Amino acid sequence: QVQLVESGGGLVQTGDSLRLSCAASRRTFSTYAMGWFRQAPGKEREFVSAISWTGGTTWYGDSVKGRFTISRDDNDENRVYLQMNNLKAEDTAVYYCAARAAYGLGLSPDWATQSSAYDYWGQGTQVTVSS
């Protein structure tokens, strides 16, 4: 079982930056692929970004490419981060962290972009961007 806790959300203005953090409870965190998804009111959950268990491969949704950066710290912190720059009003959503056991598995966009591929989810953190 993996427990995920997101933090770092808040209310910002267009063009501002935020860094989301997701803390994982399990010691084997380093063998998990991690993803960020978001859901705006009245919309379906949307893929934002994913990072492989090695940290060597990343994927981004088209709407955030060039603005968001995913990274992970597998040492003492057991965290995955989402650096969000040049935020837009359309980035407003609840952001969720997700994990999937993936030791030895490549990060294929065929599954990494799908919410159904992930086994564990955090409770979400609200990001609101005012224009």
Protein backbone atom coordinates (compact mmCIF):
# COMPACT_ATOMS: atom_id res chain seq x y z
CA GLN A 1 0.00 0.00 0.00
CA VAL A 2 1.26 3.46 -0.90
CA GLN A 3 -0.09 6.61 0.65
CA LEU A 4 0.31 9.81 -1.34
CA VAL A 5 -0.10 13.31 0.03
CA GLU A 6 -0.06 16.33 -2.25
CA SER A 7 0.77 19.87 -1.19
CA GLY A 8 1.69 23.21 -2.69
CA GLY A 9 -1.57 24.25 -4.29
CA GLY A 10 -3.05 27.69 -3.87
CA LEU A 11 -4.45 30.83 -5.45
CA VAL A 12 -2.16 32.61 -7.88
CA GLN A 13 -2.43 35.02 -10.79
CA THR A 14 -1.91 34.42 -14.47
CA GLY A 15 1.79 34.11 -15.25
CA ASP A 16 2.77 33.05 -11.74
CA SER A 17 4.49 29.81 -10.74
CA LEU A 18 3.73 27.07 -8.25
CA ARG A 19 5.50 23.89 -7.26
CA LEU A 20 3.37 20.95 -6.25
CA SER A 21 4.80 18.21 -4.11
CA CYS A 22 3.65 14.65 -3.55
CA ALA A 23 5.02 12.72 -0.60
CA ALA A 24 4.93 8.93 -0.73
CA SER A 25 4.84 6.68 2.29
CA ARG A 26 6.49 3.59 0.93
CA ARG A 27 10.22 2.86 1.05
CA THR A 28 10.06 1.26 -2.38
CA PHE A 29 8.89 4.56 -3.85
CA SER A 30 11.87 4.47 -6.18
CA THR A 31 10.34 1.53 -8.05
CA TYR A 32 7.09 3.35 -8.80
CA ALA A 33 6.21 5.34 -11.88
CA MET A 34 4.51 8.57 -10.84
CA GLY A 35 1.93 10.70 -12.56
CA TRP A 36 0.11 13.98 -12.13
CA PHE A 37 -3.47 14.39 -13.29
CA ARG A 38 -5.92 17.24 -12.86
CA GLN A 39 -9.65 17.67 -12.85
CA ALA A 40 -11.54 20.90 -13.34
CA PRO A 41 -15.20 21.28 -12.32
CA GLY A 42 -17.49 19.58 -14.79
CA LYS A 43 -14.61 18.05 -16.73
CA GLU A 44 -12.99 14.64 -16.90
CA ARG A 45 -9.68 13.89 -15.22
CA GLU A 46 -6.86 14.99 -17.49
CA PHE A 47 -3.30 13.71 -17.80
CA VAL A 48 -0.69 16.32 -16.90
CA SER A 49 2.66 14.57 -16.60
CA ALA A 50 4.39 11.30 -15.71
CA ILE A 51 7.88 10.19 -14.77
CA SER A 52 9.41 6.72 -14.93
CA TRP A 53 10.66 4.82 -11.90
CA THR A 54 14.22 5.69 -12.90
CA GLY A 55 13.41 9.34 -13.50
CA GLY A 56 14.91 9.05 -16.95
CA THR A 57 11.70 9.32 -18.96
CA THR A 58 8.97 11.92 -18.71
CA TRP A 59 5.75 12.67 -20.57
CA TYR A 60 3.60 15.79 -20.63
CA GLY A 61 0.12 16.64 -21.75
CA ASP A 62 -0.01 18.94 -24.75
CA SER A 63 -1.57 21.77 -22.77
CA VAL A 64 1.34 21.96 -20.30
CA LYS A 65 4.38 21.17 -22.47
CA GLY A 66 7.06 23.79 -22.10
CA ARG A 67 5.50 25.20 -18.93
CA PHE A 68 5.44 22.30 -16.44
CA THR A 69 8.31 20.12 -15.29
CA ILE A 70 8.05 16.87 -13.37
CA SER A 71 10.89 15.58 -11.19
CA ARG A 72 11.43 13.11 -8.38
CA ASP A 73 13.57 12.74 -5.31
CA ASP A 74 14.08 9.09 -4.39
CA ASN A 75 16.45 9.69 -1.56
CA ASP A 76 15.25 10.68 1.89
CA GLU A 77 12.36 12.76 0.58
CA ASN A 78 10.42 10.13 -1.39
CA ARG A 79 8.73 12.91 -3.31
CA VAL A 80 7.65 13.80 -6.80
CA TYR A 81 7.34 17.42 -7.83
CA LEU A 82 5.47 19.35 -10.47
CA GLN A 83 6.97 22.74 -11.23
CA MET A 84 4.32 24.86 -12.93
CA ASN A 85 5.38 28.06 -14.66
CA ASN A 86 3.47 30.68 -16.64
CA LEU A 87 0.19 29.51 -15.17
CA LYS A 88 -3.00 30.20 -17.07
CA ALA A 89 -6.62 30.40 -15.97
CA GLU A 90 -7.27 27.10 -17.74
CA ASP A 91 -4.80 25.40 -15.39
CA THR A 92 -7.30 25.84 -12.57
CA ALA A 93 -8.17 22.37 -11.25
CA VAL A 94 -7.63 19.89 -8.47
CA TYR A 95 -4.27 18.24 -9.06
CA TYR A 96 -3.78 14.59 -8.14
CA CYS A 97 -0.64 12.56 -7.68
CA ALA A 98 -0.73 8.89 -8.70
CA ALA A 99 1.60 5.91 -8.42
CA ARG A 100 2.05 2.59 -10.15
CA ALA A 101 4.53 -0.16 -9.32
CA ALA A 102 6.75 -0.19 -12.38
CA TYR A 103 10.14 -1.73 -11.58
CA GLY A 104 11.79 -2.65 -14.89
CA LEU A 105 8.88 -1.21 -16.88
CA GLY A 106 9.41 1.47 -19.48
CA LEU A 107 7.24 4.59 -19.32
CA SER A 108 5.11 4.14 -22.39
CA PRO A 109 2.62 6.90 -23.15
CA ASP A 110 0.18 4.12 -24.03
CA TRP A 111 -0.38 3.54 -20.34
CA ALA A 112 1.37 6.40 -18.52
CA THR A 113 -1.19 8.93 -19.73
CA GLN A 114 -4.16 6.84 -18.60
CA SER A 115 -5.56 7.30 -15.10
CA SER A 116 -6.71 3.67 -15.06
CA ALA A 117 -3.07 2.53 -15.15
CA TYR A 118 -2.30 3.89 -11.69
CA ASP A 119 -3.00 1.99 -8.49
CA TYR A 120 -2.65 4.66 -5.83
CA TRP A 121 -3.93 8.22 -5.63
CA GLY A 122 -3.58 11.18 -3.35
CA GLN A 123 -6.43 13.31 -2.11
CA GLY A 124 -5.65 16.21 -4.45
CA THR A 125 -4.59 19.81 -4.04
CA GLN A 126 -6.47 22.79 -5.45
CA VAL A 127 -4.78 25.15 -7.87
CA THR A 128 -6.66 28.30 -8.79
CA VAL A 129 -5.30 30.76 -11.33
CA SER A 130 -7.04 34.10 -11.51
CA SER A 131 -6.88 36.18 -14.65
